[in-house]
Amino acid sequence: MTSEPDEPRWLTAKEQEAWRLYLDGNNRLMSALNRSLNDRHDLSLAEYRILVLLSEAPDGSLRMSDLADGVLSSRSRLTHQIRRMEQEGMVERSSCPEDGRGVLAAITDEGRRRLKEAAPTHVGDVRAHLVDLLSADELETLGRIFARVEESLTDD
C-alpha cells in the first residue's frame, strides 16, 4: 500500500501577499544597492561585501572557506570573484601559514581605498531605501525576524 503525500500547506492570500512583497522588495533593494555601487564606484555589491568582511578581520585576511561562508557563496564562485578582485589589486591570495593547504584572501591598500570611497554611498543607500523608512520598533522587529530565519536555516 502506497501512501499519498500530505497536502501542501498552501499560503493564505495574506501570506502570499506578504511573501511576494518580500521577494519583490528584496530583489529591488539588492538591485538598487548593486547598481549604485557599480555606477558610482565600479564595485558590485558582492565585491563590497567581501571587502567589508576582510576589512573587519583582525589582520585583514580570512581563509577562503570562511570568506565563502561569510558571503554565502560557493567556494568556486568565490574563487572566481576573488580572482577578478585580485586582478584589480583589491585583494591578494596566499597560502595559509597554519597548514599550508588553505588559502587566505587579504585586503590590500587599494581594496581599503575602494571600500572607504564606496562606504558612504552604500550606507546612504541602505538608509534611504530601508532604515529610514522604518520606525525603531519596525527595524528591531525586522532584525528579530531575520535572526530567526538565519537560525532556522543554519540549523539545517
C-alpha atoms as a PDB file:
ATOM      1  CA  MET A   1       0.000   0.000   0.000  1.00  0.00           C
ATOM      2  CA  THR A   2       1.472   3.341  -1.008  1.00  0.00           C
ATOM      3  CA  SER A   3       0.628   6.406   0.929  1.00  0.00           C
ATOM      4  CA  GLU A   4      -0.282   9.658  -0.739  1.00  0.00           C
ATOM      5  CA  PRO A   5       1.922  12.637   0.110  1.00  0.00           C
ATOM      6  CA  ASP A   6       0.437  15.063   2.556  1.00  0.00           C
ATOM      7  CA  GLU A   7      -1.343  18.011   1.013  1.00  0.00           C
ATOM      8  CA  PRO A   8       0.922  21.093   0.997  1.00  0.00           C
ATOM      9  CA  ARG A   9       0.097  23.854   3.434  1.00  0.00           C
ATOM     10  CA  TRP A  10      -0.788  26.422   0.793  1.00  0.00           C
ATOM     11  CA  LEU A  11      -0.252  30.064   1.639  1.00  0.00           C
ATOM     12  CA  THR A  12      -3.291  32.115   2.528  1.00  0.00           C
ATOM     13  CA  ALA A  13      -3.972  35.226   0.480  1.00  0.00           C
ATOM     14  CA  LYS A  14      -2.351  37.412   3.173  1.00  0.00           C
ATOM     15  CA  GLU A  15       0.659  35.098   3.462  1.00  0.00           C
ATOM     16  CA  GLN A  16       1.035  35.039  -0.327  1.00  0.00           C
ATOM     17  CA  GLU A  17       0.839  38.839  -0.478  1.00  0.00           C
ATOM     18  CA  ALA A  18       3.482  39.235   2.259  1.00  0.00           C
ATOM     19  CA  TRP A  19       5.760  36.666   0.607  1.00  0.00           C
ATOM     20  CA  ARG A  20       5.542  38.329  -2.803  1.00  0.00           C
ATOM     21  CA  LEU A  21       6.063  41.799  -1.338  1.00  0.00           C
ATOM     22  CA  TYR A  22       9.168  40.494   0.439  1.00  0.00           C
ATOM     23  CA  LEU A  23      10.528  38.835  -2.740  1.00  0.00           C
ATOM     24  CA  ASP A  24       9.899  41.871  -4.926  1.00  0.00           C
ATOM     25  CA  GLY A  25      11.124  44.370  -2.333  1.00  0.00           C
ATOM     26  CA  ASN A  26      14.269  42.381  -1.571  1.00  0.00           C
ATOM     27  CA  ASN A  27      15.083  41.956  -5.275  1.00  0.00           C
ATOM     28  CA  ARG A  28      14.545  45.659  -5.957  1.00  0.00           C
ATOM     29  CA  LEU A  29      16.600  46.675  -2.905  1.00  0.00           C
ATOM     30  CA  MET A  30      19.549  44.412  -3.771  1.00  0.00           C
ATOM     31  CA  SER A  31      19.410  45.576  -7.411  1.00  0.00           C
ATOM     32  CA  ALA A  32      19.356  49.241  -6.376  1.00  0.00           C
ATOM     33  CA  LEU A  33      22.280  48.785  -3.952  1.00  0.00           C
ATOM     34  CA  ASN A  34      24.278  46.875  -6.557  1.00  0.00           C
ATOM     35  CA  ARG A  35      23.515  49.368  -9.340  1.00  0.00           C
ATOM     36  CA  SER A  36      24.510  52.334  -7.175  1.00  0.00           C
ATOM     37  CA  LEU A  37      27.855  50.788  -6.200  1.00  0.00           C
ATOM     38  CA  ASN A  38      28.522  49.791  -9.809  1.00  0.00           C
ATOM     39  CA  ASP A  39      27.586  53.176 -11.260  1.00  0.00           C
ATOM     40  CA  ARG A  40      29.420  55.304  -8.720  1.00  0.00           C
ATOM     41  CA  HIS A  41      32.380  53.126  -7.696  1.00  0.00           C
ATOM     42  CA  ASP A  42      32.731  50.328 -10.259  1.00  0.00           C
ATOM     43  CA  LEU A  43      32.143  47.798  -7.455  1.00  0.00           C
ATOM     44  CA  SER A  44      29.492  45.107  -7.227  1.00  0.00           C
ATOM     45  CA  LEU A  45      27.574  44.540  -4.028  1.00  0.00           C
ATOM     46  CA  ALA A  46      29.321  41.134  -3.763  1.00  0.00           C
ATOM     47  CA  GLU A  47      32.739  42.779  -4.019  1.00  0.00           C
ATOM     48  CA  TYR A  48      31.740  45.382  -1.448  1.00  0.00           C
ATOM     49  CA  ARG A  49      30.632  42.650   0.967  1.00  0.00           C
ATOM     50  CA  ILE A  50      33.944  40.799   0.531  1.00  0.00           C
ATOM     51  CA  LEU A  51      35.924  43.977   1.198  1.00  0.00           C
ATOM     52  CA  VAL A  52      33.845  44.677   4.326  1.00  0.00           C
ATOM     53  CA  LEU A  53      34.434  41.194   5.740  1.00  0.00           C
ATOM     54  CA  LEU A  54      38.161  41.321   5.009  1.00  0.00           C
ATOM     55  CA  SER A  55      38.482  44.823   6.484  1.00  0.00           C
ATOM     56  CA  GLU A  56      36.778  43.648   9.690  1.00  0.00           C
ATOM     57  CA  ALA A  57      39.089  40.637  10.110  1.00  0.00           C
ATOM     58  CA  PRO A  58      41.808  41.248  12.729  1.00  0.00           C
ATOM     59  CA  ASP A  59      44.686  41.088  10.233  1.00  0.00           C
ATOM     60  CA  GLY A  60      42.677  41.973   7.134  1.00  0.00           C
ATOM     61  CA  SER A  61      42.587  38.399   5.881  1.00  0.00           C
ATOM     62  CA  LEU A  62      40.344  35.352   6.026  1.00  0.00           C
ATOM     63  CA  ARG A  63      40.586  31.771   4.864  1.00  0.00           C
ATOM     64  CA  MET A  64      38.708  31.414   1.596  1.00  0.00           C
ATOM     65  CA  SER A  65      36.404  28.820   3.173  1.00  0.00           C
ATOM     66  CA  ASP A  66      35.473  31.240   5.980  1.00  0.00           C
ATOM     67  CA  LEU A  67      35.002  34.064   3.499  1.00  0.00           C
ATOM     68  CA  ALA A  68      32.698  31.865   1.375  1.00  0.00           C
ATOM     69  CA  ASP A  69      30.607  31.141   4.474  1.00  0.00           C
ATOM     70  CA  GLY A  70      30.537  34.848   5.329  1.00  0.00           C
ATOM     71  CA  VAL A  71      29.299  35.956   1.930  1.00  0.00           C
ATOM     72  CA  LEU A  72      27.014  32.944   1.500  1.00  0.00           C
ATOM     73  CA  SER A  73      28.730  31.864  -1.700  1.00  0.00           C
ATOM     74  CA  SER A  74      30.015  28.628  -3.099  1.00  0.00           C
ATOM     75  CA  ARG A  75      33.761  28.209  -2.890  1.00  0.00           C
ATOM     76  CA  SER A  76      34.108  28.006  -6.675  1.00  0.00           C
ATOM     77  CA  ARG A  77      32.068  31.164  -7.220  1.00  0.00           C
ATOM     78  CA  LEU A  78      34.075  32.985  -4.563  1.00  0.00           C
ATOM     79  CA  THR A  79      37.337  31.840  -6.171  1.00  0.00           C
ATOM     80  CA  HIS A  80      36.285  33.463  -9.467  1.00  0.00           C
ATOM     81  CA  GLN A  81      35.201  36.623  -7.649  1.00  0.00           C
ATOM     82  CA  ILE A  82      38.482  36.849  -5.718  1.00  0.00           C
ATOM     83  CA  ARG A  83      40.477  36.258  -8.904  1.00  0.00           C
ATOM     84  CA  ARG A  84      38.777  39.256 -10.546  1.00  0.00           C
ATOM     85  CA  MET A  85      39.318  41.389  -7.441  1.00  0.00           C
ATOM     86  CA  GLU A  86      42.961  40.305  -7.313  1.00  0.00           C
ATOM     87  CA  GLN A  87      43.420  41.464 -10.926  1.00  0.00           C
ATOM     88  CA  GLU A  88      42.097  44.884  -9.866  1.00  0.00           C
ATOM     89  CA  GLY A  89      44.512  44.993  -6.913  1.00  0.00           C
ATOM     90  CA  MET A  90      41.810  44.942  -4.206  1.00  0.00           C
ATOM     91  CA  VAL A  91      42.820  41.625  -2.628  1.00  0.00           C
ATOM     92  CA  GLU A  92      45.694  39.189  -2.678  1.00  0.00           C
ATOM     93  CA  ARG A  93      45.817  35.480  -2.020  1.00  0.00           C
ATOM     94  CA  SER A  94      48.443  33.495  -0.167  1.00  0.00           C
ATOM     95  CA  SER A  95      48.898  30.093   1.448  1.00  0.00           C
ATOM     96  CA  CYS A  96      47.607  29.724   4.961  1.00  0.00           C
ATOM     97  CA  PRO A  97      50.625  29.705   7.308  1.00  0.00           C
ATOM     98  CA  GLU A  98      48.975  27.328   9.810  1.00  0.00           C
ATOM     99  CA  ASP A  99      48.581  24.379   7.488  1.00  0.00           C
ATOM    100  CA  GLY A 100      49.865  25.338   4.042  1.00  0.00           C
ATOM    101  CA  ARG A 101      46.799  23.795   2.381  1.00  0.00           C
ATOM    102  CA  GLY A 102      44.309  26.563   2.971  1.00  0.00           C
ATOM    103  CA  VAL A 103      44.256  29.809   1.026  1.00  0.00           C
ATOM    104  CA  LEU A 104      43.980  33.243   2.598  1.00  0.00           C
ATOM    105  CA  ALA A 105      42.423  36.267   0.951  1.00  0.00           C
ATOM    106  CA  ALA A 106      43.700  39.612   2.242  1.00  0.00           C
ATOM    107  CA  ILE A 107      42.515  43.132   1.587  1.00  0.00           C
ATOM    108  CA  THR A 108      45.142  45.390   0.017  1.00  0.00           C
ATOM    109  CA  ASP A 109      45.660  49.134   0.403  1.00  0.00           C
ATOM    110  CA  GLU A 110      43.775  49.543  -2.891  1.00  0.00           C
ATOM    111  CA  GLY A 111      40.906  47.447  -1.518  1.00  0.00           C
ATOM    112  CA  ARG A 112      40.785  49.592   1.621  1.00  0.00           C
ATOM    113  CA  ARG A 113      40.801  52.745  -0.505  1.00  0.00           C
ATOM    114  CA  ARG A 114      37.945  51.471  -2.696  1.00  0.00           C
ATOM    115  CA  LEU A 115      35.949  50.406   0.372  1.00  0.00           C
ATOM    116  CA  LYS A 116      36.460  53.757   2.105  1.00  0.00           C
ATOM    117  CA  GLU A 117      35.344  55.540  -1.053  1.00  0.00           C
ATOM    118  CA  ALA A 118      32.233  53.374  -1.554  1.00  0.00           C
ATOM    119  CA  ALA A 119      31.071  53.038   2.066  1.00  0.00           C
ATOM    120  CA  PRO A 120      29.302  56.434   2.301  1.00  0.00           C
ATOM    121  CA  THR A 121      27.350  55.680  -0.882  1.00  0.00           C
ATOM    122  CA  HIS A 122      26.326  52.237   0.343  1.00  0.00           C
ATOM    123  CA  VAL A 123      25.329  53.416   3.825  1.00  0.00           C
ATOM    124  CA  GLY A 124      23.386  56.323   2.336  1.00  0.00           C
ATOM    125  CA  ASP A 125      21.521  53.960   0.031  1.00  0.00           C
ATOM    126  CA  VAL A 126      20.765  51.481   2.835  1.00  0.00           C
ATOM    127  CA  ARG A 127      19.404  54.351   4.917  1.00  0.00           C
ATOM    128  CA  ALA A 128      17.357  55.850   2.084  1.00  0.00           C
ATOM    129  CA  HIS A 129      15.895  52.582   0.823  1.00  0.00           C
ATOM    130  CA  LEU A 130      15.369  50.717   4.112  1.00  0.00           C
ATOM    131  CA  VAL A 131      16.496  52.015   7.510  1.00  0.00           C
ATOM    132  CA  ASP A 132      14.967  55.488   7.339  1.00  0.00           C
ATOM    133  CA  LEU A 133      11.672  54.078   6.041  1.00  0.00           C
ATOM    134  CA  LEU A 134      11.160  52.110   9.264  1.00  0.00           C
ATOM    135  CA  SER A 135      10.441  53.110  12.834  1.00  0.00           C
ATOM    136  CA  ALA A 136      12.855  51.958  15.535  1.00  0.00           C
ATOM    137  CA  ASP A 137      10.340  49.248  16.530  1.00  0.00           C
ATOM    138  CA  GLU A 138       9.957  48.055  12.935  1.00  0.00           C
ATOM    139  CA  LEU A 139      13.714  47.898  12.492  1.00  0.00           C
ATOM    140  CA  GLU A 140      14.057  45.899  15.714  1.00  0.00           C
ATOM    141  CA  THR A 141      11.296  43.546  14.527  1.00  0.00           C
ATOM    142  CA  LEU A 142      12.998  43.135  11.157  1.00  0.00           C
ATOM    143  CA  GLY A 143      16.225  42.203  12.920  1.00  0.00           C
ATOM    144  CA  ARG A 144      14.454  39.634  15.102  1.00  0.00           C
ATOM    145  CA  ILE A 145      12.666  38.150  12.093  1.00  0.00           C
ATOM    146  CA  PHE A 146      15.835  37.609  10.091  1.00  0.00           C
ATOM    147  CA  ALA A 147      17.777  36.383  13.111  1.00  0.00           C
ATOM    148  CA  ARG A 148      15.101  33.692  13.418  1.00  0.00           C
ATOM    149  CA  VAL A 149      15.264  32.890   9.689  1.00  0.00           C
ATOM    150  CA  GLU A 150      19.076  32.736   9.852  1.00  0.00           C
ATOM    151  CA  GLU A 151      18.978  30.443  12.893  1.00  0.00           C
ATOM    152  CA  SER A 152      16.441  28.152  11.244  1.00  0.00           C
ATOM    153  CA  LEU A 153      18.449  27.842   8.056  1.00  0.00           C
ATOM    154  CA  THR A 154      21.840  27.386   9.708  1.00  0.00           C
ATOM    155  CA  ASP A 155      20.405  24.601  11.865  1.00  0.00           C
ATOM    156  CA  ASP A 156      19.660  22.680   8.662  1.00  0.00           C
END
